[in-house]
Amino acid sequence: MSLLSSSPYTRSLIGPGRNAWVKHNGLVWTVGVPTGRARNADICTQTKIALASIDARLAQAGTDRTKILETTVFLTNMKEFKGFDKVFSAWLPVGIGASRATVGVAALANNDKVEIKVTVAA
């Protein structure tokens, strides 16, 4: 990973066309996925892995989940929403809520079951 800082943006480059996170104007954007770590795992395990990835990326960007503003969740099976929601709700600190949308999708990269995109205050 390399940091690219070209005012007013800071990016954590992880590959061609990919950033672990982007920081601009007091906000940080990142995505958590379970890719490559739990291909056949259940929704709860995949969600825990994706959220741990978000925690690590937010720490690299100098912020954390207590400053979460917005979340977009992509699920390949909306019947698994309750399992996802249980893990996600436990991950959020007490008293912290997020504007959240959950979208059912036909497929995600690498056969993942969940992908979580967040916007967080820096």
PDB file of N, CA and C in Angstrom:
ATOM      1  N   MET A   1       0.846  -1.173   0.000  1.00  0.00           N
ATOM      2  CA  MET A   1       0.000   0.000   0.000  1.00  0.00           C
ATOM      3  C   MET A   1       0.887   1.230   0.000  1.00  0.00           C
ATOM      4  N   SER A   2       0.515   2.203  -0.795  1.00  0.00           N
ATOM      5  CA  SER A   2       1.240   3.465  -0.784  1.00  0.00           C
ATOM      6  C   SER A   2       0.244   4.605  -0.676  1.00  0.00           C
ATOM      7  N   LEU A   3       0.674   5.648   0.034  1.00  0.00           N
ATOM      8  CA  LEU A   3      -0.177   6.820   0.194  1.00  0.00           C
ATOM      9  C   LEU A   3       0.145   7.823  -0.888  1.00  0.00           C
ATOM     10  N   LEU A   4      -0.883   8.319  -1.523  1.00  0.00           N
ATOM     11  CA  LEU A   4      -0.734   9.368  -2.512  1.00  0.00           C
ATOM     12  C   LEU A   4      -1.436  10.592  -1.966  1.00  0.00           C
ATOM     13  N   SER A   5      -0.707  11.670  -1.826  1.00  0.00           N
ATOM     14  CA  SER A   5      -1.302  12.885  -1.308  1.00  0.00           C
ATOM     15  C   SER A   5      -1.111  13.993  -2.323  1.00  0.00           C
ATOM     16  N   SER A   6      -2.197  14.387  -2.929  1.00  0.00           N
ATOM     17  CA  SER A   6      -2.174  15.519  -3.848  1.00  0.00           C
ATOM     18  C   SER A   6      -3.319  16.416  -3.427  1.00  0.00           C
ATOM     19  N   SER A   7      -2.960  17.425  -2.655  1.00  0.00           N
ATOM     20  CA  SER A   7      -3.963  18.293  -2.053  1.00  0.00           C
ATOM     21  C   SER A   7      -5.067  18.586  -3.054  1.00  0.00           C
ATOM     22  N   PRO A   8      -6.285  18.445  -2.678  1.00  0.00           N
ATOM     23  CA  PRO A   8      -6.834  18.203  -1.349  1.00  0.00           C
ATOM     24  C   PRO A   8      -7.182  16.747  -1.075  1.00  0.00           C
ATOM     25  N   TYR A   9      -6.650  15.798  -1.853  1.00  0.00           N
ATOM     26  CA  TYR A   9      -6.992  14.389  -1.710  1.00  0.00           C
ATOM     27  C   TYR A   9      -5.834  13.604  -1.125  1.00  0.00           C
ATOM     28  N   THR A  10      -6.157  12.599  -0.311  1.00  0.00           N
ATOM     29  CA  THR A  10      -5.186  11.602   0.114  1.00  0.00           C
ATOM     30  C   THR A  10      -5.799  10.254  -0.212  1.00  0.00           C
ATOM     31  N   ARG A  11      -4.996   9.400  -0.818  1.00  0.00           N
ATOM     32  CA  ARG A  11      -5.484   8.086  -1.237  1.00  0.00           C
ATOM     33  C   ARG A  11      -4.525   7.007  -0.782  1.00  0.00           C
ATOM     34  N   SER A  12      -5.057   5.858  -0.462  1.00  0.00           N
ATOM     35  CA  SER A  12      -4.253   4.699  -0.115  1.00  0.00           C
ATOM     36  C   SER A  12      -4.333   3.728  -1.292  1.00  0.00           C
ATOM     37  N   LEU A  13      -3.338   3.773  -2.148  1.00  0.00           N
ATOM     38  CA  LEU A  13      -3.323   2.977  -3.374  1.00  0.00           C
ATOM     39  C   LEU A  13      -3.022   1.519  -3.055  1.00  0.00           C
ATOM     40  N   ILE A  14      -3.887   0.612  -3.538  1.00  0.00           N
ATOM     41  CA  ILE A  14      -3.655  -0.818  -3.325  1.00  0.00           C
ATOM     42  C   ILE A  14      -3.498  -1.585  -4.634  1.00  0.00           C
ATOM     43  N   GLY A  15      -3.687  -0.931  -5.747  1.00  0.00           N
ATOM     44  CA  GLY A  15      -3.533  -1.584  -7.035  1.00  0.00           C
ATOM     45  C   GLY A  15      -4.022  -0.670  -8.134  1.00  0.00           C
ATOM     46  N   PRO A  16      -3.811  -1.066  -9.377  1.00  0.00           N
ATOM     47  CA  PRO A  16      -4.250  -0.237 -10.495  1.00  0.00           C
ATOM     48  C   PRO A  16      -5.746   0.084 -10.403  1.00  0.00           C
ATOM     49  N   GLY A  17      -6.050   1.365 -10.320  1.00  0.00           N
ATOM     50  CA  GLY A  17      -7.441   1.792 -10.276  1.00  0.00           C
ATOM     51  C   GLY A  17      -8.147   1.521  -8.965  1.00  0.00           C
ATOM     52  N   ARG A  18      -7.406   1.151  -7.928  1.00  0.00           N
ATOM     53  CA  ARG A  18      -8.024   0.770  -6.646  1.00  0.00           C
ATOM     54  C   ARG A  18      -7.356   1.506  -5.497  1.00  0.00           C
ATOM     55  N   ASN A  19      -8.181   2.027  -4.611  1.00  0.00           N
ATOM     56  CA  ASN A  19      -7.714   2.641  -3.376  1.00  0.00           C
ATOM     57  C   ASN A  19      -8.367   1.929  -2.204  1.00  0.00           C
ATOM     58  N   ALA A  20      -7.613   1.729  -1.125  1.00  0.00           N
ATOM     59  CA  ALA A  20      -8.198   1.155   0.091  1.00  0.00           C
ATOM     60  C   ALA A  20      -9.165   2.167   0.698  1.00  0.00           C
ATOM     61  N   TRP A  21      -8.795   3.451   0.594  1.00  0.00           N
ATOM     62  CA  TRP A  21      -9.638   4.539   1.077  1.00  0.00           C
ATOM     63  C   TRP A  21      -9.228   5.827   0.387  1.00  0.00           C
ATOM     64  N   VAL A  22     -10.154   6.781   0.409  1.00  0.00           N
ATOM     65  CA  VAL A  22      -9.900   8.112  -0.134  1.00  0.00           C
ATOM     66  C   VAL A  22     -10.369   9.118   0.908  1.00  0.00           C
ATOM     67  N   LYS A  23      -9.537  10.129   1.163  1.00  0.00           N
ATOM     68  CA  LYS A  23      -9.888  11.182   2.116  1.00  0.00           C
ATOM     69  C   LYS A  23      -9.919  12.509   1.376  1.00  0.00           C
ATOM     70  N   HIS A  24     -10.992  13.284   1.614  1.00  0.00           N
ATOM     71  CA  HIS A  24     -11.133  14.589   0.981  1.00  0.00           C
ATOM     72  C   HIS A  24     -12.087  15.450   1.795  1.00  0.00           C
ATOM     73  N   ASN A  25     -11.692  16.675   2.037  1.00  0.00           N
ATOM     74  CA  ASN A  25     -12.587  17.667   2.641  1.00  0.00           C
ATOM     75  C   ASN A  25     -13.268  17.173   3.921  1.00  0.00           C
ATOM     76  N   GLY A  26     -12.503  16.496   4.771  1.00  0.00           N
ATOM     77  CA  GLY A  26     -13.034  16.044   6.053  1.00  0.00           C
ATOM     78  C   GLY A  26     -13.820  14.757   6.022  1.00  0.00           C
ATOM     79  N   LEU A  27     -13.829  14.051   4.888  1.00  0.00           N
ATOM     80  CA  LEU A  27     -14.553  12.784   4.762  1.00  0.00           C
ATOM     81  C   LEU A  27     -13.615  11.676   4.296  1.00  0.00           C
ATOM     82  N   VAL A  28     -13.956  10.445   4.662  1.00  0.00           N
ATOM     83  CA  VAL A  28     -13.226   9.260   4.207  1.00  0.00           C
ATOM     84  C   VAL A  28     -14.237   8.289   3.617  1.00  0.00           C
ATOM     85  N   TRP A  29     -13.892   7.719   2.468  1.00  0.00           N
ATOM     86  CA  TRP A  29     -14.713   6.697   1.810  1.00  0.00           C
ATOM     87  C   TRP A  29     -13.908   5.410   1.743  1.00  0.00           C
ATOM     88  N   THR A  30     -14.553   4.296   2.047  1.00  0.00           N
ATOM     89  CA  THR A  30     -13.907   2.998   1.906  1.00  0.00           C
ATOM     90  C   THR A  30     -14.957   1.911   1.736  1.00  0.00           C
ATOM     91  N   VAL A  31     -14.489   0.717   1.404  1.00  0.00           N
ATOM     92  CA  VAL A  31     -15.357  -0.437   1.185  1.00  0.00           C
ATOM     93  C   VAL A  31     -14.751  -1.634   1.908  1.00  0.00           C
ATOM     94  N   GLY A  32     -15.612  -2.429   2.550  1.00  0.00           N
ATOM     95  CA  GLY A  32     -15.171  -3.665   3.177  1.00  0.00           C
ATOM     96  C   GLY A  32     -15.763  -4.859   2.456  1.00  0.00           C
ATOM     97  N   VAL A  33     -14.893  -5.815   2.144  1.00  0.00           N
ATOM     98  CA  VAL A  33     -15.319  -7.051   1.486  1.00  0.00           C
ATOM     99  C   VAL A  33     -14.605  -8.230   2.140  1.00  0.00           C
ATOM    100  N   PRO A  34     -15.201  -9.408   2.087  1.00  0.00           N
ATOM    101  CA  PRO A  34     -14.548 -10.595   2.652  1.00  0.00           C
ATOM    102  C   PRO A  34     -13.677 -11.338   1.641  1.00  0.00           C
ATOM    103  N   THR A  35     -13.484 -10.805   0.470  1.00  0.00           N
ATOM    104  CA  THR A  35     -12.816 -11.469  -0.642  1.00  0.00           C
ATOM    105  C   THR A  35     -11.548 -12.211  -0.245  1.00  0.00           C
ATOM    106  N   GLY A  36     -11.489 -13.460  -0.671  1.00  0.00           N
ATOM    107  CA  GLY A  36     -10.289 -14.260  -0.501  1.00  0.00           C
ATOM    108  C   GLY A  36     -10.089 -14.791   0.908  1.00  0.00           C
ATOM    109  N   ARG A  37     -10.951 -14.448   1.828  1.00  0.00           N
ATOM    110  CA  ARG A  37     -10.747 -14.860   3.211  1.00  0.00           C
ATOM    111  C   ARG A  37     -11.843 -15.795   3.718  1.00  0.00           C
ATOM    112  N   ALA A  38     -12.952 -15.852   3.043  1.00  0.00           N
ATOM    113  CA  ALA A  38     -14.051 -16.693   3.533  1.00  0.00           C
ATOM    114  C   ALA A  38     -15.021 -17.006   2.413  1.00  0.00           C
ATOM    115  N   ARG A  39     -14.518 -17.481   1.323  1.00  0.00           N
ATOM    116  CA  ARG A  39     -15.330 -17.682   0.127  1.00  0.00           C
ATOM    117  C   ARG A  39     -16.612 -18.463   0.376  1.00  0.00           C
ATOM    118  N   ASN A  40     -16.557 -19.510   1.175  1.00  0.00           N
ATOM    119  CA  ASN A  40     -17.740 -20.341   1.405  1.00  0.00           C
ATOM    120  C   ASN A  40     -18.369 -20.122   2.772  1.00  0.00           C
ATOM    121  N   ALA A  41     -17.963 -19.082   3.465  1.00  0.00           N
ATOM    122  CA  ALA A  41     -18.473 -18.819   4.811  1.00  0.00           C
ATOM    123  C   ALA A  41     -19.900 -18.284   4.770  1.00  0.00           C
ATOM    124  N   ASP A  42     -20.574 -18.375   5.907  1.00  0.00           N
ATOM    125  CA  ASP A  42     -21.940 -17.862   6.003  1.00  0.00           C
ATOM    126  C   ASP A  42     -21.938 -16.336   6.043  1.00  0.00           C
ATOM    127  N   ILE A  43     -23.119 -15.735   5.977  1.00  0.00           N
ATOM    128  CA  ILE A  43     -23.243 -14.280   5.910  1.00  0.00           C
ATOM    129  C   ILE A  43     -22.680 -13.606   7.156  1.00  0.00           C
ATOM    130  N   CYS A  44     -22.848 -14.211   8.316  1.00  0.00           N
ATOM    131  CA  CYS A  44     -22.337 -13.601   9.548  1.00  0.00           C
ATOM    132  C   CYS A  44     -20.814 -13.528   9.529  1.00  0.00           C
ATOM    133  N   THR A  45     -20.167 -14.603   9.132  1.00  0.00           N
ATOM    134  CA  THR A  45     -18.700 -14.620   9.059  1.00  0.00           C
ATOM    135  C   THR A  45     -18.205 -13.645   8.009  1.00  0.00           C
ATOM    136  N   GLN A  46     -18.825 -13.648   6.828  1.00  0.00           N
ATOM    137  CA  GLN A  46     -18.395 -12.721   5.782  1.00  0.00           C
ATOM    138  C   GLN A  46     -18.594 -11.271   6.228  1.00  0.00           C
ATOM    139  N   THR A  47     -19.676 -10.985   6.935  1.00  0.00           N
ATOM    140  CA  THR A  47     -19.922  -9.624   7.417  1.00  0.00           C
ATOM    141  C   THR A  47     -18.856  -9.226   8.428  1.00  0.00           C
ATOM    142  N   LYS A  48     -18.512 -10.110   9.361  1.00  0.00           N
ATOM    143  CA  LYS A  48     -17.473  -9.814  10.355  1.00  0.00           C
ATOM    144  C   LYS A  48     -16.142  -9.508   9.671  1.00  0.00           C
ATOM    145  N   ILE A  49     -15.795 -10.252   8.650  1.00  0.00           N
ATOM    146  CA  ILE A  49     -14.537 -10.036   7.941  1.00  0.00           C
ATOM    147  C   ILE A  49     -14.562  -8.699   7.203  1.00  0.00           C
ATOM    148  N   ALA A  50     -15.681  -8.399   6.552  1.00  0.00           N
ATOM    149  CA  ALA A  50     -15.806  -7.123   5.834  1.00  0.00           C
ATOM    150  C   ALA A  50     -15.718  -5.946   6.795  1.00  0.00           C
ATOM    151  N   LEU A  51     -16.351  -6.060   7.957  1.00  0.00           N
ATOM    152  CA  LEU A  51     -16.316  -4.978   8.940  1.00  0.00           C
ATOM    153  C   LEU A  51     -14.917  -4.815   9.538  1.00  0.00           C
ATOM    154  N   ALA A  52     -14.208  -5.907   9.753  1.00  0.00           N
ATOM    155  CA  ALA A  52     -12.821  -5.821  10.243  1.00  0.00           C
ATOM    156  C   ALA A  52     -11.953  -5.113   9.210  1.00  0.00           C
ATOM    157  N   SER A  53     -12.209  -5.368   7.938  1.00  0.00           N
ATOM    158  CA  SER A  53     -11.486  -4.682   6.864  1.00  0.00           C
ATOM    159  C   SER A  53     -11.766  -3.187   6.901  1.00  0.00           C
ATOM    160  N   ILE A  54     -13.020  -2.827   7.126  1.00  0.00           N
ATOM    161  CA  ILE A  54     -13.370  -1.406   7.239  1.00  0.00           C
ATOM    162  C   ILE A  54     -12.642  -0.775   8.424  1.00  0.00           C
ATOM    163  N   ASP A  55     -12.648  -1.452   9.572  1.00  0.00           N
ATOM    164  CA  ASP A  55     -11.947  -0.925  10.749  1.00  0.00           C
ATOM    165  C   ASP A  55     -10.473  -0.656  10.439  1.00  0.00           C
ATOM    166  N   ALA A  56      -9.818  -1.603   9.784  1.00  0.00           N
ATOM    167  CA  ALA A  56      -8.398  -1.449   9.472  1.00  0.00           C
ATOM    168  C   ALA A  56      -8.169  -0.277   8.512  1.00  0.00           C
ATOM    169  N   ARG A  57      -8.999  -0.161   7.513  1.00  0.00           N
ATOM    170  CA  ARG A  57      -8.848   0.922   6.540  1.00  0.00           C
ATOM    171  C   ARG A  57      -9.127   2.288   7.169  1.00  0.00           C
ATOM    172  N   LEU A  58     -10.135   2.344   8.021  1.00  0.00           N
ATOM    173  CA  LEU A  58     -10.432   3.615   8.683  1.00  0.00           C
ATOM    174  C   LEU A  58      -9.290   4.020   9.601  1.00  0.00           C
ATOM    175  N   ALA A  59      -8.682   3.057  10.292  1.00  0.00           N
ATOM    176  CA  ALA A  59      -7.540   3.357  11.158  1.00  0.00           C
ATOM    177  C   ALA A  59      -6.384   3.919  10.328  1.00  0.00           C
ATOM    178  N   GLN A  60      -6.134   3.325   9.161  1.00  0.00           N
ATOM    179  CA  GLN A  60      -5.082   3.830   8.268  1.00  0.00           C
ATOM    180  C   GLN A  60      -5.364   5.268   7.853  1.00  0.00           C
ATOM    181  N   ALA A  61      -6.641   5.602   7.700  1.00  0.00           N
ATOM    182  CA  ALA A  61      -7.034   6.945   7.267  1.00  0.00           C
ATOM    183  C   ALA A  61      -7.144   7.925   8.439  1.00  0.00           C
ATOM    184  N   GLY A  62      -6.921   7.429   9.669  1.00  0.00           N
ATOM    185  CA  GLY A  62      -6.937   8.297  10.833  1.00  0.00           C
ATOM    186  C   GLY A  62      -8.312   8.563  11.415  1.00  0.00           C
ATOM    187  N   THR A  63      -9.233   7.634  11.224  1.00  0.00           N
ATOM    188  CA  THR A  63     -10.579   7.791  11.778  1.00  0.00           C
ATOM    189  C   THR A  63     -11.083   6.434  12.251  1.00  0.00           C
ATOM    190  N   ASP A  64     -12.355   6.344  12.612  1.00  0.00           N
ATOM    191  CA  ASP A  64     -12.894   5.063  13.072  1.00  0.00           C
ATOM    192  C   ASP A  64     -14.415   5.042  12.922  1.00  0.00           C
ATOM    193  N   ARG A  65     -14.987   3.910  13.258  1.00  0.00           N
ATOM    194  CA  ARG A  65     -16.429   3.691  13.053  1.00  0.00           C
ATOM    195  C   ARG A  65     -17.315   4.588  13.900  1.00  0.00           C
ATOM    196  N   THR A  66     -16.789   5.226  14.937  1.00  0.00           N
ATOM    197  CA  THR A  66     -17.621   6.130  15.738  1.00  0.00           C
ATOM    198  C   THR A  66     -18.018   7.370  14.957  1.00  0.00           C
ATOM    199  N   LYS A  67     -17.375   7.587  13.815  1.00  0.00           N
ATOM    200  CA  LYS A  67     -17.642   8.777  13.000  1.00  0.00           C
ATOM    201  C   LYS A  67     -18.365   8.432  11.702  1.00  0.00           C
ATOM    202  N   ILE A  68     -18.962   7.258  11.676  1.00  0.00           N
ATOM    203  CA  ILE A  68     -19.653   6.801  10.465  1.00  0.00           C
ATOM    204  C   ILE A  68     -20.857   7.692  10.173  1.00  0.00           C
ATOM    205  N   LEU A  69     -21.016   8.031   8.910  1.00  0.00           N
ATOM    206  CA  LEU A  69     -22.109   8.885   8.472  1.00  0.00           C
ATOM    207  C   LEU A  69     -23.118   8.128   7.619  1.00  0.00           C
ATOM    208  N   GLU A  70     -22.613   7.336   6.701  1.00  0.00           N
ATOM    209  CA  GLU A  70     -23.490   6.671   5.731  1.00  0.00           C
ATOM    210  C   GLU A  70     -22.914   5.318   5.364  1.00  0.00           C
ATOM    211  N   THR A  71     -23.817   4.367   5.156  1.00  0.00           N
ATOM    212  CA  THR A  71     -23.422   3.016   4.772  1.00  0.00           C
ATOM    213  C   THR A  71     -24.328   2.528   3.652  1.00  0.00           C
ATOM    214  N   THR A  72     -23.727   1.906   2.651  1.00  0.00           N
ATOM    215  CA  THR A  72     -24.491   1.207   1.623  1.00  0.00           C
ATOM    216  C   THR A  72     -24.044  -0.255   1.660  1.00  0.00           C
ATOM    217  N   VAL A  73     -24.999  -1.135   1.810  1.00  0.00           N
ATOM    218  CA  VAL A  73     -24.718  -2.561   1.918  1.00  0.00           C
ATOM    219  C   VAL A  73     -25.277  -3.265   0.692  1.00  0.00           C
ATOM    220  N   PHE A  74     -24.481  -4.150   0.128  1.00  0.00           N
ATOM    221  CA  PHE A  74     -24.906  -4.953  -1.015  1.00  0.00           C
ATOM    222  C   PHE A  74     -24.939  -6.406  -0.565  1.00  0.00           C
ATOM    223  N   LEU A  75     -26.103  -7.041  -0.692  1.00  0.00           N
ATOM    224  CA  LEU A  75     -26.278  -8.447  -0.322  1.00  0.00           C
ATOM    225  C   LEU A  75     -26.743  -9.242  -1.530  1.00  0.00           C
ATOM    226  N   THR A  76     -26.173 -10.427  -1.700  1.00  0.00           N
ATOM    227  CA  THR A  76     -26.595 -11.267  -2.819  1.00  0.00           C
ATOM    228  C   THR A  76     -27.855 -12.063  -2.496  1.00  0.00           C
ATOM    229  N   ASN A  77     -28.226 -12.103  -1.226  1.00  0.00           N
ATOM    230  CA  ASN A  77     -29.441 -12.827  -0.835  1.00  0.00           C
ATOM    231  C   ASN A  77     -30.122 -12.046   0.283  1.00  0.00           C
ATOM    232  N   MET A  78     -31.189 -11.357  -0.042  1.00  0.00           N
ATOM    233  CA  MET A  78     -31.881 -10.537   0.948  1.00  0.00           C
ATOM    234  C   MET A  78     -32.499 -11.382   2.068  1.00  0.00           C
ATOM    235  N   LYS A  79     -32.632 -12.678   1.855  1.00  0.00           N
ATOM    236  CA  LYS A  79     -33.117 -13.555   2.928  1.00  0.00           C
ATOM    237  C   LYS A  79     -32.087 -13.653   4.053  1.00  0.00           C
ATOM    238  N   GLU A  80     -30.853 -13.244   3.780  1.00  0.00           N
ATOM    239  CA  GLU A  80     -29.792 -13.276   4.785  1.00  0.00           C
ATOM    240  C   GLU A  80     -29.640 -11.930   5.509  1.00  0.00           C
ATOM    241  N   PHE A  81     -30.576 -11.018   5.265  1.00  0.00           N
ATOM    242  CA  PHE A  81     -30.491  -9.692   5.868  1.00  0.00           C
ATOM    243  C   PHE A  81     -30.429  -9.742   7.390  1.00  0.00           C
ATOM    244  N   LYS A  82     -31.241 -10.577   8.020  1.00  0.00           N
ATOM    245  CA  LYS A  82     -31.259 -10.629   9.489  1.00  0.00           C
ATOM    246  C   LYS A  82     -29.898 -11.017  10.061  1.00  0.00           C
ATOM    247  N   GLY A  83     -29.233 -11.977   9.442  1.00  0.00           N
ATOM    248  CA  GLY A  83     -27.893 -12.380   9.894  1.00  0.00           C
ATOM    249  C   GLY A  83     -26.906 -11.243   9.736  1.00  0.00           C
ATOM    250  N   PHE A  84     -26.940 -10.592   8.571  1.00  0.00           N
ATOM    251  CA  PHE A  84     -26.079  -9.428   8.350  1.00  0.00           C
ATOM    252  C   PHE A  84     -26.367  -8.356   9.390  1.00  0.00           C
ATOM    253  N   ASP A  85     -27.644  -8.016   9.562  1.00  0.00           N
ATOM    254  CA  ASP A  85     -28.037  -6.909  10.433  1.00  0.00           C
ATOM    255  C   ASP A  85     -27.628  -7.145  11.883  1.00  0.00           C
ATOM    256  N   LYS A  86     -27.708  -8.370  12.327  1.00  0.00           N
ATOM    257  CA  LYS A  86     -27.304  -8.704  13.700  1.00  0.00           C
ATOM    258  C   LYS A  86     -25.822  -8.378  13.912  1.00  0.00           C
ATOM    259  N   VAL A  87     -24.981  -8.789  12.979  1.00  0.00           N
ATOM    260  CA  VAL A  87     -23.536  -8.540  13.088  1.00  0.00           C
ATOM    261  C   VAL A  87     -23.239  -7.051  12.940  1.00  0.00           C
ATOM    262  N   PHE A  88     -23.855  -6.412  11.958  1.00  0.00           N
ATOM    263  CA  PHE A  88     -23.612  -4.983  11.717  1.00  0.00           C
ATOM    264  C   PHE A  88     -24.035  -4.151  12.923  1.00  0.00           C
ATOM    265  N   SER A  89     -25.204  -4.432  13.472  1.00  0.00           N
ATOM    266  CA  SER A  89     -25.706  -3.665  14.609  1.00  0.00           C
ATOM    267  C   SER A  89     -24.811  -3.835  15.833  1.00  0.00           C
ATOM    268  N   ALA A  90     -24.270  -5.030  16.043  1.00  0.00           N
ATOM    269  CA  ALA A  90     -23.355  -5.271  17.161  1.00  0.00           C
ATOM    270  C   ALA A  90     -22.025  -4.552  16.948  1.00  0.00           C
ATOM    271  N   TRP A  91     -21.621  -4.356  15.701  1.00  0.00           N
ATOM    272  CA  TRP A  91     -20.359  -3.684  15.361  1.00  0.00           C
ATOM    273  C   TRP A  91     -20.417  -2.187  15.652  1.00  0.00           C
ATOM    274  N   LEU A  92     -21.580  -1.590  15.457  1.00  0.00           N
ATOM    275  CA  LEU A  92     -21.707  -0.156  15.707  1.00  0.00           C
ATOM    276  C   LEU A  92     -21.616   0.129  17.204  1.00  0.00           C
ATOM    277  N   PRO A  93     -20.841   1.152  17.586  1.00  0.00           N
ATOM    278  CA  PRO A  93     -20.766   1.507  19.001  1.00  0.00           C
ATOM    279  C   PRO A  93     -22.137   1.951  19.520  1.00  0.00           C
ATOM    280  N   VAL A  94     -22.369   1.740  20.810  1.00  0.00           N
ATOM    281  CA  VAL A  94     -23.630   2.144  21.439  1.00  0.00           C
ATOM    282  C   VAL A  94     -23.847   3.635  21.209  1.00  0.00           C
ATOM    283  N   GLY A  95     -25.046   3.976  20.781  1.00  0.00           N
ATOM    284  CA  GLY A  95     -25.399   5.369  20.555  1.00  0.00           C
ATOM    285  C   GLY A  95     -25.012   5.898  19.183  1.00  0.00           C
ATOM    286  N   ILE A  96     -24.344   5.060  18.386  1.00  0.00           N
ATOM    287  CA  ILE A  96     -23.934   5.468  17.039  1.00  0.00           C
ATOM    288  C   ILE A  96     -24.846   4.776  16.040  1.00  0.00           C
ATOM    289  N   GLY A  97     -25.432   5.537  15.185  1.00  0.00           N
ATOM    290  CA  GLY A  97     -26.240   4.984  14.106  1.00  0.00           C
ATOM    291  C   GLY A  97     -25.675   5.473  12.788  1.00  0.00           C
ATOM    292  N   ALA A  98     -26.098   4.869  11.730  1.00  0.00           N
ATOM    293  CA  ALA A  98     -25.638   5.286  10.410  1.00  0.00           C
ATOM    294  C   ALA A  98     -26.830   5.358   9.483  1.00  0.00           C
ATOM    295  N   SER A  99     -26.822   6.337   8.604  1.00  0.00           N
ATOM    296  CA  SER A  99     -27.779   6.348   7.517  1.00  0.00           C
ATOM    297  C   SER A  99     -27.405   5.148   6.656  1.00  0.00           C
ATOM    298  N   ARG A 100     -28.309   4.202   6.483  1.00  0.00           N
ATOM    299  CA  ARG A 100     -27.934   2.962   5.815  1.00  0.00           C
ATOM    300  C   ARG A 100     -28.963   2.541   4.783  1.00  0.00           C
ATOM    301  N   ALA A 101     -28.462   2.127   3.647  1.00  0.00           N
ATOM    302  CA  ALA A 101     -29.290   1.524   2.612  1.00  0.00           C
ATOM    303  C   ALA A 101     -28.762   0.114   2.369  1.00  0.00           C
ATOM    304  N   THR A 102     -29.668  -0.836   2.210  1.00  0.00           N
ATOM    305  CA  THR A 102     -29.280  -2.207   1.900  1.00  0.00           C
ATOM    306  C   THR A 102     -29.908  -2.569   0.565  1.00  0.00           C
ATOM    307  N   VAL A 103     -29.065  -3.035  -0.339  1.00  0.00           N
ATOM    308  CA  VAL A 103     -29.481  -3.300  -1.709  1.00  0.00           C
ATOM    309  C   VAL A 103     -29.249  -4.770  -2.038  1.00  0.00           C
ATOM    310  N   GLY A 104     -30.257  -5.418  -2.581  1.00  0.00           N
ATOM    311  CA  GLY A 104     -30.094  -6.782  -3.059  1.00  0.00           C
ATOM    312  C   GLY A 104     -29.520  -6.766  -4.461  1.00  0.00           C
ATOM    313  N   VAL A 105     -28.477  -7.573  -4.677  1.00  0.00           N
ATOM    314  CA  VAL A 105     -27.823  -7.623  -5.982  1.00  0.00           C
ATOM    315  C   VAL A 105     -27.735  -9.075  -6.454  1.00  0.00           C
ATOM    316  N   ALA A 106     -27.648  -9.252  -7.747  1.00  0.00           N
ATOM    317  CA  ALA A 106     -27.584 -10.598  -8.313  1.00  0.00           C
ATOM    318  C   ALA A 106     -26.261 -11.294  -7.996  1.00  0.00           C
ATOM    319  N   ALA A 107     -25.175 -10.532  -8.000  1.00  0.00           N
ATOM    320  CA  ALA A 107     -23.863 -11.133  -7.757  1.00  0.00           C
ATOM    321  C   ALA A 107     -22.875 -10.057  -7.336  1.00  0.00           C
ATOM    322  N   LEU A 108     -21.837 -10.493  -6.620  1.00  0.00           N
ATOM    323  CA  LEU A 108     -20.708  -9.640  -6.253  1.00  0.00           C
ATOM    324  C   LEU A 108     -19.428 -10.307  -6.734  1.00  0.00           C
ATOM    325  N   ALA A 109     -18.377  -9.544  -6.836  1.00  0.00           N
ATOM    326  CA  ALA A 109     -17.086 -10.092  -7.261  1.00  0.00           C
ATOM    327  C   ALA A 109     -16.665 -11.223  -6.323  1.00  0.00           C
ATOM    328  N   ASN A 110     -15.968 -12.187  -6.873  1.00  0.00           N
ATOM    329  CA  ASN A 110     -15.406 -13.306  -6.106  1.00  0.00           C
ATOM    330  C   ASN A 110     -16.447 -14.124  -5.351  1.00  0.00           C
ATOM    331  N   ASN A 111     -17.681 -14.089  -5.802  1.00  0.00           N
ATOM    332  CA  ASN A 111     -18.775 -14.822  -5.162  1.00  0.00           C
ATOM    333  C   ASN A 111     -19.010 -14.423  -3.708  1.00  0.00           C
ATOM    334  N   ASP A 112     -18.624 -13.198  -3.356  1.00  0.00           N
ATOM    335  CA  ASP A 112     -18.889 -12.701  -2.006  1.00  0.00           C
ATOM    336  C   ASP A 112     -20.389 -12.571  -1.806  1.00  0.00           C
ATOM    337  N   LYS A 113     -20.815 -12.652  -0.547  1.00  0.00           N
ATOM    338  CA  LYS A 113     -22.229 -12.497  -0.203  1.00  0.00           C
ATOM    339  C   LYS A 113     -22.558 -11.084   0.223  1.00  0.00           C
ATOM    340  N   VAL A 114     -21.538 -10.308   0.639  1.00  0.00           N
ATOM    341  CA  VAL A 114     -21.761  -8.972   1.170  1.00  0.00           C
ATOM    342  C   VAL A 114     -20.620  -8.043   0.778  1.00  0.00           C
ATOM    343  N   GLU A 115     -20.961  -6.792   0.546  1.00  0.00           N
ATOM    344  CA  GLU A 115     -19.991  -5.724   0.328  1.00  0.00           C
ATOM    345  C   GLU A 115     -20.558  -4.502   1.047  1.00  0.00           C
ATOM    346  N   ILE A 116     -19.697  -3.795   1.778  1.00  0.00           N
ATOM    347  CA  ILE A 116     -20.163  -2.684   2.607  1.00  0.00           C
ATOM    348  C   ILE A 116     -19.342  -1.444   2.292  1.00  0.00           C
ATOM    349  N   LYS A 117     -20.024  -0.401   1.857  1.00  0.00           N
ATOM    350  CA  LYS A 117     -19.388   0.869   1.507  1.00  0.00           C
ATOM    351  C   LYS A 117     -19.758   1.895   2.573  1.00  0.00           C
ATOM    352  N   VAL A 118     -18.758   2.610   3.101  1.00  0.00           N
ATOM    353  CA  VAL A 118     -19.038   3.601   4.147  1.00  0.00           C
ATOM    354  C   VAL A 118     -18.430   4.952   3.822  1.00  0.00           C
ATOM    355  N   THR A 119     -19.087   5.991   4.328  1.00  0.00           N
ATOM    356  CA  THR A 119     -18.566   7.342   4.344  1.00  0.00           C
ATOM    357  C   THR A 119     -18.456   7.726   5.818  1.00  0.00           C
ATOM    358  N   VAL A 120     -17.283   8.231   6.201  1.00  0.00           N
ATOM    359  CA  VAL A 120     -16.985   8.502   7.600  1.00  0.00           C
ATOM    360  C   VAL A 120     -16.340   9.881   7.714  1.00  0.00           C
ATOM    361  N   ALA A 121     -16.635  10.599   8.790  1.00  0.00           N
ATOM    362  CA  ALA A 121     -15.956  11.866   9.034  1.00  0.00           C
ATOM    363  C   ALA A 121     -14.500  11.580   9.376  1.00  0.00           C
ATOM    364  N   ALA A 122     -13.604  12.419   8.860  1.00  0.00           N
ATOM    365  CA  ALA A 122     -12.167  12.224   9.118  1.00  0.00           C
ATOM    366  C   ALA A 122     -11.820  12.665  10.525  1.00  0.00           C
TER     367      ALA A 122
END
